[in-house]
Amino acid sequence: MITNSIAGIELSPETVESIHAVAIKFGMKVIAALAVLIIGFWISKQVKRVLCKLMERHKADPVLISFTSVLAHMALKVFVIVAALGVLDVPTTSLIAMLGAAGLAIGLALQGSLSNFAAGVLLIVFKPFTLGDIVTASSVSGKVREIGILTTSLDTFDNKRVIIPNAKLMSENIITHTANHTRRVDLVAGISYEDDIDKARAAIRAAIAEVPGVLKTPAPEIFVSEMADSSVNFSVRPWCKSTDYLKIYFGVTEAIKKRFDAEGITIPFPQRDVHMYEHKEG
């Protein structure tokens, strides 16, 4: 006997019972899929937190901690989403194939960004420099402020922010000025040909000794390096801590000038001798 109808269509009790069974079955799958999503996302968040703590405990680089934890978190989320779709009987094999094809297309369209990404991974893994280092790269000198996945940020000495693509950074020479604990400061001090070399050397040595921060070991080197057109040039090479480089560079330069003035040693200007010849006709 017909006892039910849906949208004007009369249904038998057996059909209604089948629809109820399908609805209950599908509803249970939806509930299971939601449970997989909720629990999976929670687990991925906890894994990220635990991973960060473990890497911090082993004193890993902060950039590496951030990169690894974010990558692991994203990978787990993708796995959870695929698992939830599998609970709903969605053909995940085809979905993964579609995602792979889409990823390939996106990769071809974003080759520059992918090269920057790959370079960013190399920067994080091999660490040619780290946060706070002073470097010269891509014709820019400054302090490393941030190492990102695609770009690296430097703060120049006049406090400008420079953002360099990682691919360009890794394709050129990188000079890390603070990689070693100490640095040598290379200066040139010129005196006139009339001045006494030994007196000038002693004056330079005394000037260096007055500058705080110059290291005694290795000892400063002072030697005549060139007999130039207008001057006799000394190479002056004191050592200092890497963090004190600019302070020592400017301090020693000023101290030498003051010492030369006090002892009457001349710093010559460029000079040229001009000889004039008179030509008489006849």
Protein backbone atom coordinates (compact mmCIF):
# COMPACT_ATOMS: atom_id res chain seq x y z
CA MET A 1 0.00 0.00 0.00
CA ILE A 2 1.32 3.52 -0.91
CA THR A 3 1.65 5.70 2.16
CA ASN A 4 4.37 8.32 1.43
CA SER A 5 5.05 11.02 -1.13
CA ILE A 6 7.97 13.38 -1.83
CA ALA A 7 7.45 16.49 -4.00
CA GLY A 8 4.19 15.01 -5.25
CA ILE A 9 5.76 11.67 -6.12
CA GLU A 10 4.22 8.74 -4.36
CA LEU A 11 6.79 6.39 -2.81
CA SER A 12 6.43 2.95 -1.39
CA PRO A 13 7.52 2.18 2.17
CA GLU A 14 10.43 0.14 0.81
CA THR A 15 11.69 3.11 -1.24
CA VAL A 16 11.37 5.48 1.69
CA GLU A 17 13.24 3.03 3.88
CA SER A 18 16.02 2.79 1.26
CA ILE A 19 16.30 6.59 1.06
CA HIS A 20 16.49 6.81 4.84
CA ALA A 21 19.22 4.16 4.89
CA VAL A 22 21.23 5.98 2.20
CA ALA A 23 20.78 9.31 3.99
CA ILE A 24 21.91 7.81 7.29
CA LYS A 25 24.89 6.13 5.64
CA PHE A 26 25.95 9.32 3.82
CA GLY A 27 25.33 11.40 6.94
CA MET A 28 27.59 9.10 8.94
CA LYS A 29 30.29 9.48 6.26
CA VAL A 30 29.96 13.27 6.40
CA ILE A 31 30.26 13.16 10.18
CA ALA A 32 33.29 10.85 9.89
CA ALA A 33 34.89 13.15 7.30
CA LEU A 34 34.33 16.19 9.53
CA ALA A 35 35.83 14.27 12.45
CA VAL A 36 38.86 13.41 10.32
CA LEU A 37 39.27 17.09 9.37
CA ILE A 38 38.89 18.41 12.92
CA ILE A 39 41.11 15.80 14.55
CA GLY A 40 43.63 15.87 11.69
CA PHE A 41 43.98 19.67 11.76
CA TRP A 42 44.39 19.56 15.53
CA ILE A 43 47.09 16.88 15.24
CA SER A 44 48.90 18.85 12.51
CA LYS A 45 48.91 21.93 14.75
CA GLN A 46 50.30 19.91 17.65
CA VAL A 47 52.97 18.35 15.42
CA LYS A 48 54.02 21.84 14.32
CA ARG A 49 54.26 23.00 17.93
CA VAL A 50 56.24 19.93 19.06
CA LEU A 51 58.55 20.19 16.04
CA CYS A 52 59.29 23.85 16.84
CA LYS A 53 60.08 23.01 20.47
CA LEU A 54 62.38 20.13 19.51
CA MET A 55 64.30 22.25 17.03
CA GLU A 56 64.55 25.14 19.49
CA ARG A 57 65.84 22.72 22.14
CA HIS A 58 68.59 21.64 19.72
CA LYS A 59 69.32 25.34 18.99
CA ALA A 60 68.44 25.15 15.30
CA ASP A 61 68.48 28.27 13.16
CA PRO A 62 65.24 30.31 13.64
CA VAL A 63 64.74 30.52 9.87
CA LEU A 64 65.08 26.75 9.54
CA ILE A 65 62.62 26.24 12.40
CA SER A 66 60.02 28.48 10.77
CA PHE A 67 60.46 26.97 7.31
CA THR A 68 60.40 23.35 8.45
CA SER A 69 57.43 23.74 10.78
CA VAL A 70 55.30 25.58 8.20
CA LEU A 71 56.16 23.04 5.49
CA ALA A 72 55.32 20.10 7.77
CA HIS A 73 52.07 21.76 8.85
CA MET A 74 50.98 22.33 5.25
CA ALA A 75 51.88 18.77 4.20
CA LEU A 76 49.87 17.30 7.07
CA LYS A 77 46.86 19.46 6.22
CA VAL A 78 46.93 18.26 2.60
CA PHE A 79 47.14 14.64 3.83
CA VAL A 80 44.17 15.19 6.18
CA ILE A 81 42.05 16.73 3.41
CA VAL A 82 42.79 13.82 1.07
CA ALA A 83 41.95 11.36 3.88
CA ALA A 84 38.62 13.13 4.54
CA LEU A 85 37.73 12.96 0.85
CA GLY A 86 38.57 9.25 0.92
CA VAL A 87 36.06 8.77 3.76
CA LEU A 88 33.42 10.34 1.50
CA ASP A 89 34.33 7.78 -1.21
CA VAL A 90 35.73 10.53 -3.47
CA PRO A 91 38.23 8.96 -5.92
CA THR A 92 41.38 10.45 -4.45
CA THR A 93 43.65 8.87 -7.07
CA SER A 94 42.11 11.00 -9.78
CA LEU A 95 42.17 14.01 -7.48
CA ILE A 96 45.88 13.57 -6.76
CA ALA A 97 46.55 13.25 -10.49
CA MET A 98 44.62 16.47 -11.12
CA LEU A 99 46.51 18.24 -8.35
CA GLY A 100 49.79 17.04 -9.84
CA ALA A 101 48.84 18.33 -13.28
CA ALA A 102 47.73 21.65 -11.80
CA GLY A 103 50.98 21.86 -9.84
CA LEU A 104 52.99 21.26 -13.01
CA ALA A 105 51.11 24.00 -14.84
CA ILE A 106 51.55 26.42 -11.97
CA GLY A 107 55.23 25.49 -11.75
CA LEU A 108 55.80 26.28 -15.41
CA ALA A 109 54.04 29.61 -14.98
CA LEU A 110 56.04 30.47 -11.87
CA GLN A 111 59.53 29.32 -12.83
CA GLY A 112 61.12 32.47 -11.39
CA SER A 113 59.36 32.05 -8.07
CA LEU A 114 60.29 28.37 -7.92
CA SER A 115 63.95 29.19 -8.53
CA ASN A 116 63.74 31.72 -5.70
CA PHE A 117 62.10 29.07 -3.53
CA ALA A 118 64.84 26.53 -4.29
CA ALA A 119 67.50 29.14 -3.56
CA GLY A 120 65.74 29.98 -0.29
CA VAL A 121 65.89 26.32 0.74
CA LEU A 122 69.64 26.26 -0.04
CA LEU A 123 70.18 29.42 2.01
CA ILE A 124 68.38 27.87 4.97
CA VAL A 125 70.15 24.51 4.72
CA PHE A 126 73.73 25.62 3.98
CA LYS A 127 73.56 28.94 5.88
CA PRO A 128 76.22 31.08 4.13
CA PHE A 129 75.02 33.77 6.52
CA THR A 130 72.42 34.14 9.25
CA LEU A 131 70.25 36.83 10.79
CA GLY A 132 72.26 39.81 12.02
CA ASP A 133 75.29 39.16 9.80
CA ILE A 134 76.74 42.01 7.75
CA VAL A 135 77.09 40.92 4.14
CA THR A 136 77.77 42.25 0.66
CA ALA A 137 75.62 40.57 -1.98
CA SER A 138 74.27 41.72 -5.35
CA SER A 139 76.27 44.96 -4.98
CA VAL A 140 74.49 45.76 -1.71
CA SER A 141 76.04 45.87 1.76
CA GLY A 142 73.99 45.72 4.95
CA LYS A 143 72.77 43.71 7.93
CA VAL A 144 70.64 40.63 7.25
CA ARG A 145 67.18 41.40 8.61
CA GLU A 146 65.12 38.50 7.24
CA ILE A 147 65.72 35.31 5.24
CA GLY A 148 62.48 34.38 3.54
CA ILE A 149 61.48 31.56 1.25
CA LEU A 150 61.52 33.79 -1.84
CA THR A 151 63.53 36.88 -0.83
CA THR A 152 66.16 38.06 1.64
CA SER A 153 65.98 41.51 3.28
CA LEU A 154 69.00 43.64 4.14
CA ASP A 155 69.14 46.89 6.11
CA THR A 156 71.84 49.13 4.64
CA PHE A 157 74.11 51.27 6.81
CA ASP A 158 71.94 54.33 6.10
CA ASN A 159 68.90 52.30 7.23
CA LYS A 160 67.29 51.52 3.88
CA ARG A 161 65.56 48.18 3.42
CA VAL A 162 66.76 46.24 0.35
CA ILE A 163 64.90 43.08 -0.74
CA ILE A 164 66.92 40.70 -2.92
CA PRO A 165 65.44 37.65 -4.73
CA ASN A 166 67.06 34.51 -3.38
CA ALA A 167 67.89 33.16 -6.85
CA LYS A 168 69.94 36.28 -7.64
CA LEU A 169 71.56 36.11 -4.23
CA MET A 170 72.71 32.51 -4.71
CA SER A 171 73.95 33.08 -8.27
CA GLU A 172 76.54 35.69 -7.21
CA ASN A 173 79.40 35.95 -4.74
CA ILE A 174 78.42 36.54 -1.11
CA ILE A 175 80.83 38.29 1.24
CA THR A 176 80.02 37.76 4.91
CA HIS A 177 81.92 40.43 6.84
CA THR A 178 81.02 39.08 10.27
CA ALA A 179 81.59 35.37 9.60
CA ASN A 180 84.91 35.48 11.49
CA HIS A 181 85.48 36.95 14.92
CA THR A 182 88.26 39.34 13.82
CA ARG A 183 89.01 41.43 10.73
CA ARG A 184 91.95 43.35 9.36
CA VAL A 185 91.51 47.03 8.56
CA ASP A 186 93.46 48.09 5.46
CA LEU A 187 94.46 51.77 5.28
CA VAL A 188 96.93 53.83 3.23
CA ALA A 189 98.79 56.81 4.73
CA GLY A 190 100.91 59.00 2.44
CA ILE A 191 103.81 61.28 3.37
CA SER A 192 105.90 63.61 1.25
CA TYR A 193 109.26 62.60 -0.16
CA GLU A 194 110.95 65.13 2.14
CA ASP A 195 109.64 63.51 5.35
CA ASP A 196 111.55 60.91 7.37
CA ILE A 197 110.18 57.40 6.86
CA ASP A 198 111.18 56.09 10.29
CA LYS A 199 109.63 59.10 12.02
CA ALA A 200 106.40 58.63 10.05
CA ARG A 201 106.27 54.92 10.88
CA ALA A 202 106.69 55.68 14.59
CA ALA A 203 103.96 58.33 14.38
CA ILE A 204 101.56 55.86 12.74
CA ARG A 205 102.33 53.23 15.37
CA ALA A 206 101.69 55.73 18.17
CA ALA A 207 98.43 56.85 16.52
CA ILE A 208 97.17 53.25 16.30
CA ALA A 209 98.01 52.66 19.97
CA GLU A 210 95.70 55.55 20.94
CA VAL A 211 92.63 54.02 19.32
CA PRO A 212 90.59 51.77 21.69
CA GLY A 213 89.51 48.49 20.16
CA VAL A 214 92.64 47.80 18.09
CA LEU A 215 93.85 44.28 18.88
CA LYS A 216 97.40 43.71 20.05
CA THR A 217 97.37 40.21 18.58
CA PRO A 218 97.78 39.98 15.64
CA ALA A 219 100.05 43.02 15.83
CA PRO A 220 99.37 45.92 13.44
CA GLU A 221 101.46 45.90 10.28
CA ILE A 222 103.04 49.14 9.01
CA PHE A 223 105.26 49.13 5.92
CA VAL A 224 106.14 51.24 2.90
CA SER A 225 104.09 49.86 0.04
CA GLU A 226 104.48 52.37 -2.78
CA MET A 227 106.49 55.32 -4.02
CA ALA A 228 103.68 57.11 -5.79
CA ASP A 229 103.78 60.19 -8.03
CA SER A 230 103.38 62.67 -5.17
CA SER A 231 103.85 60.65 -1.98
CA VAL A 232 105.47 57.74 -0.21
CA ASN A 233 102.62 55.48 0.85
CA PHE A 234 102.42 53.33 3.96
CA SER A 235 100.12 50.32 4.17
CA VAL A 236 98.59 50.35 7.65
CA ARG A 237 96.92 47.12 8.78
CA PRO A 238 95.53 46.97 12.34
CA TRP A 239 93.23 44.15 13.49
CA CYS A 240 89.94 44.45 15.36
CA LYS A 241 86.74 42.60 16.20
CA SER A 242 84.48 42.24 13.19
CA THR A 243 81.74 44.24 14.90
CA ASP A 244 84.16 47.17 15.46
CA TYR A 245 85.40 47.42 11.87
CA LEU A 246 83.95 50.80 10.90
CA LYS A 247 84.75 52.34 14.27
CA ILE A 248 88.40 51.29 13.98
CA TYR A 249 88.62 52.31 10.31
CA PHE A 250 87.48 55.87 10.98
CA GLY A 251 89.23 56.09 14.36
CA VAL A 252 92.66 55.09 13.04
CA THR A 253 92.33 57.41 10.03
CA GLU A 254 91.59 60.37 12.29
CA ALA A 255 94.33 59.45 14.78
CA ILE A 256 96.99 59.27 12.02
CA LYS A 257 95.99 62.68 10.66
CA LYS A 258 96.19 64.27 14.11
CA ARG A 259 99.54 62.64 14.85
CA PHE A 260 100.99 63.77 11.51
CA ASP A 261 99.84 67.34 12.22
CA ALA A 262 101.34 67.27 15.71
CA GLU A 263 104.73 66.05 14.48
CA GLY A 264 104.89 68.19 11.35
CA ILE A 265 104.65 65.31 8.90
CA THR A 266 103.28 66.41 5.55
CA ILE A 267 100.42 64.72 3.74
CA PRO A 268 101.09 65.93 0.18
CA PHE A 269 98.60 66.96 -2.44
CA PRO A 270 98.89 65.48 -5.92
CA GLN A 271 101.56 67.42 -7.81
CA ARG A 272 102.72 67.71 -11.38
CA ASP A 273 105.91 69.29 -12.66
CA VAL A 274 105.32 71.31 -15.81
CA HIS A 275 108.35 72.17 -17.96
CA MET A 276 107.98 74.92 -20.55
CA TYR A 277 110.32 75.19 -23.49
CA GLU A 278 110.69 78.27 -25.59
CA HIS A 279 110.94 77.65 -29.29
CA LYS A 280 112.71 80.33 -31.31
CA GLU A 281 112.21 80.50 -35.05
CA GLY A 282 114.97 81.40 -37.46
